[in-house]
Amino acid sequence: MVLGYGSVHLPTVAGAHTLKMRMFRPLSSSMFQTFFGWANANPPEYIDAKRPAMPTGREVTRVESKGVVTLKVNCVTRNMRQFGYSAPVHAAATPHHF
């Protein structure tokens, strides 16, 4: 049973990041579906789990807020060139030669 959905952009800069992700869940489109879902303990869900991350169609989906989740993410940009990415090099990340 899915209790909520959310999406957040991951940072592209190396380091520790704290991200806040707003959670939501879809609402039923009619009172009958709301009652039927409640009676069967089956709340409304998206058929495609990727749907919350897609940029189109979100404005026509009725949702309710379900709170905020705090994510702590550690990003590493090591060996990114091997996979076709070009990561920016920051002054704090470059070694100093004395």
N, C-alpha and C. Protein backbone atom coordinates (compact mmCIF):
# COMPACT_ATOMS: atom_id res chain seq x y z
N MET A 1 0.85 -1.17 0.00
CA MET A 1 0.00 0.00 0.00
C MET A 1 0.90 1.24 0.00
N VAL A 2 0.65 2.13 -0.92
CA VAL A 2 1.41 3.37 -1.03
C VAL A 2 0.71 4.43 -0.19
N LEU A 3 1.46 5.08 0.70
CA LEU A 3 0.89 6.12 1.54
C LEU A 3 1.10 7.52 0.99
N GLY A 4 2.06 7.69 0.10
CA GLY A 4 2.30 9.00 -0.48
C GLY A 4 3.36 8.96 -1.56
N TYR A 5 3.39 10.00 -2.36
CA TYR A 5 4.35 10.14 -3.45
C TYR A 5 5.09 11.46 -3.27
N GLY A 6 6.25 11.54 -3.89
CA GLY A 6 7.01 12.79 -3.88
C GLY A 6 8.12 12.71 -4.90
N SER A 7 8.63 13.85 -5.29
CA SER A 7 9.78 13.89 -6.20
C SER A 7 10.63 15.09 -5.83
N VAL A 8 11.94 14.94 -6.07
CA VAL A 8 12.87 15.99 -5.74
C VAL A 8 14.03 15.91 -6.73
N HIS A 9 14.62 17.05 -7.05
CA HIS A 9 15.79 17.07 -7.93
C HIS A 9 17.02 16.76 -7.10
N LEU A 10 17.85 15.86 -7.59
CA LEU A 10 19.08 15.53 -6.89
C LEU A 10 20.16 16.55 -7.25
N PRO A 11 20.98 16.95 -6.28
CA PRO A 11 22.03 17.93 -6.58
C PRO A 11 23.13 17.34 -7.44
N THR A 12 23.75 18.20 -8.24
CA THR A 12 24.84 17.76 -9.10
C THR A 12 26.20 18.17 -8.56
N VAL A 13 26.22 18.75 -7.39
CA VAL A 13 27.45 19.21 -6.76
C VAL A 13 27.82 18.22 -5.66
N ALA A 14 29.08 17.88 -5.58
CA ALA A 14 29.53 16.93 -4.58
C ALA A 14 29.37 17.50 -3.17
N GLY A 15 29.11 16.60 -2.22
CA GLY A 15 29.00 17.01 -0.83
C GLY A 15 27.74 16.48 -0.18
N ALA A 16 27.55 16.84 1.07
CA ALA A 16 26.37 16.43 1.84
C ALA A 16 25.27 17.47 1.65
N HIS A 17 24.08 17.00 1.36
CA HIS A 17 22.94 17.89 1.11
C HIS A 17 21.73 17.41 1.92
N THR A 18 20.94 18.36 2.40
CA THR A 18 19.68 18.06 3.07
C THR A 18 18.56 18.59 2.19
N LEU A 19 17.68 17.69 1.74
CA LEU A 19 16.60 18.06 0.83
C LEU A 19 15.26 17.82 1.50
N LYS A 20 14.32 18.70 1.27
CA LYS A 20 12.97 18.52 1.79
C LYS A 20 12.05 18.18 0.62
N MET A 21 11.33 17.08 0.74
CA MET A 21 10.45 16.62 -0.32
C MET A 21 9.01 16.63 0.20
N ARG A 22 8.16 17.36 -0.50
CA ARG A 22 6.74 17.41 -0.13
C ARG A 22 6.05 16.14 -0.63
N MET A 23 5.32 15.51 0.25
CA MET A 23 4.62 14.27 -0.07
C MET A 23 3.15 14.58 -0.36
N PHE A 24 2.57 13.80 -1.27
CA PHE A 24 1.16 13.95 -1.61
C PHE A 24 0.62 12.60 -2.04
N ARG A 25 -0.70 12.52 -2.09
CA ARG A 25 -1.32 11.30 -2.61
C ARG A 25 -2.55 11.69 -3.43
N PRO A 26 -2.87 10.90 -4.45
CA PRO A 26 -4.01 11.24 -5.30
C PRO A 26 -5.33 11.02 -4.57
N LEU A 27 -6.34 11.77 -4.99
CA LEU A 27 -7.69 11.60 -4.46
C LEU A 27 -8.56 10.87 -5.47
N SER A 28 -9.58 10.22 -4.99
CA SER A 28 -10.52 9.55 -5.89
C SER A 28 -11.31 10.59 -6.67
N SER A 29 -11.78 10.20 -7.84
CA SER A 29 -12.50 11.15 -8.69
C SER A 29 -13.99 11.24 -8.37
N SER A 30 -14.51 10.34 -7.54
CA SER A 30 -15.93 10.41 -7.18
C SER A 30 -16.13 9.94 -5.74
N MET A 31 -17.29 10.25 -5.18
CA MET A 31 -17.61 9.82 -3.82
C MET A 31 -17.75 8.30 -3.75
N PHE A 32 -18.27 7.69 -4.82
CA PHE A 32 -18.41 6.24 -4.86
C PHE A 32 -17.04 5.56 -4.77
N GLN A 33 -16.07 6.05 -5.54
CA GLN A 33 -14.73 5.47 -5.49
C GLN A 33 -14.08 5.71 -4.14
N THR A 34 -14.35 6.85 -3.52
CA THR A 34 -13.81 7.12 -2.19
C THR A 34 -14.36 6.12 -1.19
N PHE A 35 -15.66 5.89 -1.21
CA PHE A 35 -16.27 4.93 -0.28
C PHE A 35 -15.80 3.51 -0.58
N PHE A 36 -15.76 3.13 -1.84
CA PHE A 36 -15.33 1.78 -2.22
C PHE A 36 -13.88 1.53 -1.80
N GLY A 37 -13.01 2.53 -1.98
CA GLY A 37 -11.62 2.40 -1.56
C GLY A 37 -11.50 2.30 -0.05
N TRP A 38 -12.32 3.06 0.68
CA TRP A 38 -12.30 3.01 2.13
C TRP A 38 -12.80 1.65 2.63
N ALA A 39 -13.87 1.13 2.02
CA ALA A 39 -14.44 -0.16 2.44
C ALA A 39 -13.47 -1.32 2.19
N ASN A 40 -12.68 -1.24 1.15
CA ASN A 40 -11.74 -2.31 0.81
C ASN A 40 -10.32 -2.03 1.33
N ALA A 41 -10.15 -0.94 2.07
CA ALA A 41 -8.83 -0.54 2.57
C ALA A 41 -7.82 -0.45 1.42
N ASN A 42 -8.28 0.14 0.31
CA ASN A 42 -7.45 0.27 -0.88
C ASN A 42 -7.52 1.73 -1.36
N PRO A 43 -6.61 2.59 -0.85
CA PRO A 43 -6.66 4.00 -1.27
C PRO A 43 -6.25 4.16 -2.72
N PRO A 44 -6.61 5.28 -3.35
CA PRO A 44 -6.23 5.49 -4.75
C PRO A 44 -4.72 5.56 -4.91
N GLU A 45 -4.23 4.97 -6.00
CA GLU A 45 -2.80 4.96 -6.31
C GLU A 45 -2.63 5.27 -7.79
N TYR A 46 -1.44 5.73 -8.15
CA TYR A 46 -1.10 5.88 -9.55
C TYR A 46 -0.79 4.51 -10.14
N ILE A 47 -1.21 4.28 -11.37
CA ILE A 47 -0.89 3.02 -12.03
C ILE A 47 0.59 2.98 -12.36
N ASP A 48 1.12 4.09 -12.85
CA ASP A 48 2.54 4.19 -13.19
C ASP A 48 3.25 4.92 -12.05
N ALA A 49 4.20 4.27 -11.38
CA ALA A 49 4.90 4.88 -10.25
C ALA A 49 5.77 6.05 -10.66
N LYS A 50 6.08 6.18 -11.95
CA LYS A 50 6.89 7.30 -12.42
C LYS A 50 6.05 8.56 -12.63
N ARG A 51 4.76 8.47 -12.53
CA ARG A 51 3.84 9.56 -12.81
C ARG A 51 4.12 10.82 -11.99
N PRO A 52 4.41 10.73 -10.69
CA PRO A 52 4.67 11.97 -9.92
C PRO A 52 5.90 12.73 -10.39
N ALA A 53 6.85 12.09 -11.02
CA ALA A 53 8.06 12.76 -11.48
C ALA A 53 7.92 13.35 -12.87
N MET A 54 6.84 13.04 -13.57
CA MET A 54 6.64 13.55 -14.93
C MET A 54 6.12 14.99 -14.87
N PRO A 55 6.58 15.84 -15.78
CA PRO A 55 6.19 17.24 -15.73
C PRO A 55 4.79 17.54 -16.27
N THR A 56 4.20 16.63 -17.03
CA THR A 56 2.89 16.91 -17.63
C THR A 56 1.80 16.11 -16.93
N GLY A 57 0.61 16.67 -16.91
CA GLY A 57 -0.54 15.98 -16.37
C GLY A 57 -0.75 16.13 -14.88
N ARG A 58 0.17 16.77 -14.18
CA ARG A 58 0.00 16.91 -12.74
C ARG A 58 -1.08 17.92 -12.38
N GLU A 59 -1.34 18.87 -13.27
CA GLU A 59 -2.31 19.91 -12.96
C GLU A 59 -3.75 19.40 -13.01
N VAL A 60 -3.98 18.25 -13.60
CA VAL A 60 -5.34 17.71 -13.68
C VAL A 60 -5.60 16.62 -12.66
N THR A 61 -4.61 16.27 -11.88
CA THR A 61 -4.76 15.24 -10.86
C THR A 61 -5.07 15.90 -9.53
N ARG A 62 -6.17 15.48 -8.91
CA ARG A 62 -6.49 16.01 -7.58
C ARG A 62 -5.66 15.26 -6.55
N VAL A 63 -4.99 16.01 -5.68
CA VAL A 63 -4.13 15.41 -4.67
C VAL A 63 -4.37 16.09 -3.33
N GLU A 64 -3.92 15.42 -2.27
CA GLU A 64 -3.91 16.03 -0.95
C GLU A 64 -2.51 15.92 -0.37
N SER A 65 -2.13 16.92 0.39
CA SER A 65 -0.80 16.96 0.99
C SER A 65 -0.70 15.93 2.11
N LYS A 66 0.47 15.28 2.20
CA LYS A 66 0.67 14.27 3.24
C LYS A 66 1.90 14.54 4.08
N GLY A 67 2.46 15.76 4.02
CA GLY A 67 3.59 16.11 4.87
C GLY A 67 4.87 16.31 4.09
N VAL A 68 5.97 16.32 4.84
CA VAL A 68 7.29 16.58 4.28
C VAL A 68 8.25 15.50 4.76
N VAL A 69 9.10 15.03 3.84
CA VAL A 69 10.15 14.07 4.17
C VAL A 69 11.49 14.78 3.99
N THR A 70 12.37 14.65 4.97
CA THR A 70 13.71 15.23 4.88
C THR A 70 14.68 14.14 4.46
N LEU A 71 15.38 14.39 3.35
CA LEU A 71 16.37 13.44 2.83
C LEU A 71 17.76 14.00 3.05
N LYS A 72 18.66 13.15 3.52
CA LYS A 72 20.06 13.52 3.62
C LYS A 72 20.81 12.72 2.57
N VAL A 73 21.42 13.43 1.61
CA VAL A 73 22.05 12.80 0.45
C VAL A 73 23.52 13.20 0.41
N ASN A 74 24.39 12.22 0.20
CA ASN A 74 25.82 12.47 -0.01
C ASN A 74 26.12 12.19 -1.47
N CYS A 75 26.56 13.22 -2.20
CA CYS A 75 26.86 13.08 -3.63
C CYS A 75 28.36 13.00 -3.85
N VAL A 76 28.76 12.08 -4.70
CA VAL A 76 30.16 11.91 -5.07
C VAL A 76 30.26 12.08 -6.58
N THR A 77 31.23 12.87 -7.02
CA THR A 77 31.37 13.10 -8.46
C THR A 77 32.62 12.42 -9.01
N ARG A 78 33.05 11.39 -8.38
CA ARG A 78 34.25 10.66 -8.81
C ARG A 78 33.96 9.83 -10.06
N ASN A 79 34.88 9.84 -11.01
CA ASN A 79 34.81 9.04 -12.24
C ASN A 79 33.57 9.33 -13.09
N MET A 80 33.06 10.54 -13.04
CA MET A 80 31.88 10.87 -13.84
C MET A 80 32.20 10.99 -15.32
N ARG A 81 33.42 11.34 -15.66
CA ARG A 81 33.80 11.45 -17.07
C ARG A 81 33.72 10.11 -17.78
N GLN A 82 33.92 9.01 -17.07
CA GLN A 82 33.83 7.68 -17.67
C GLN A 82 32.41 7.39 -18.19
N PHE A 83 31.43 8.04 -17.56
CA PHE A 83 30.04 7.81 -17.94
C PHE A 83 29.46 8.93 -18.79
N GLY A 84 30.32 9.83 -19.29
CA GLY A 84 29.87 10.86 -20.20
C GLY A 84 29.41 12.15 -19.56
N TYR A 85 29.66 12.35 -18.27
CA TYR A 85 29.26 13.58 -17.59
C TYR A 85 30.47 14.46 -17.38
N SER A 86 30.25 15.76 -17.37
CA SER A 86 31.32 16.69 -17.04
C SER A 86 30.91 17.44 -15.79
N ALA A 87 31.53 17.10 -14.67
CA ALA A 87 31.22 17.72 -13.39
C ALA A 87 32.06 18.97 -13.20
N PRO A 88 31.46 20.04 -12.69
CA PRO A 88 32.24 21.26 -12.45
C PRO A 88 33.24 21.04 -11.32
N VAL A 89 34.41 21.62 -11.47
CA VAL A 89 35.44 21.52 -10.44
C VAL A 89 35.40 22.82 -9.64
N HIS A 90 35.19 22.69 -8.34
CA HIS A 90 35.10 23.86 -7.48
C HIS A 90 36.43 24.11 -6.80
N ALA A 91 36.66 25.35 -6.39
CA ALA A 91 37.92 25.72 -5.76
C ALA A 91 38.16 24.93 -4.48
N ALA A 92 37.10 24.60 -3.74
CA ALA A 92 37.25 23.85 -2.50
C ALA A 92 37.64 22.40 -2.78
N ALA A 93 37.35 21.89 -3.97
CA ALA A 93 37.60 20.49 -4.28
C ALA A 93 38.97 20.26 -4.91
N THR A 94 39.62 21.33 -5.39
CA THR A 94 40.92 21.16 -6.03
C THR A 94 42.02 21.11 -4.99
N PRO A 95 42.98 20.22 -5.12
CA PRO A 95 44.08 20.16 -4.15
C PRO A 95 45.01 21.35 -4.33
N HIS A 96 45.55 21.80 -3.22
CA HIS A 96 46.50 22.92 -3.25
C HIS A 96 47.91 22.36 -3.28
N HIS A 97 48.75 22.93 -4.11
CA HIS A 97 50.15 22.50 -4.20
C HIS A 97 51.02 23.57 -3.54
N PHE A 98 51.78 23.16 -2.55
CA PHE A 98 52.65 24.10 -1.84
C PHE A 98 54.09 23.86 -2.22
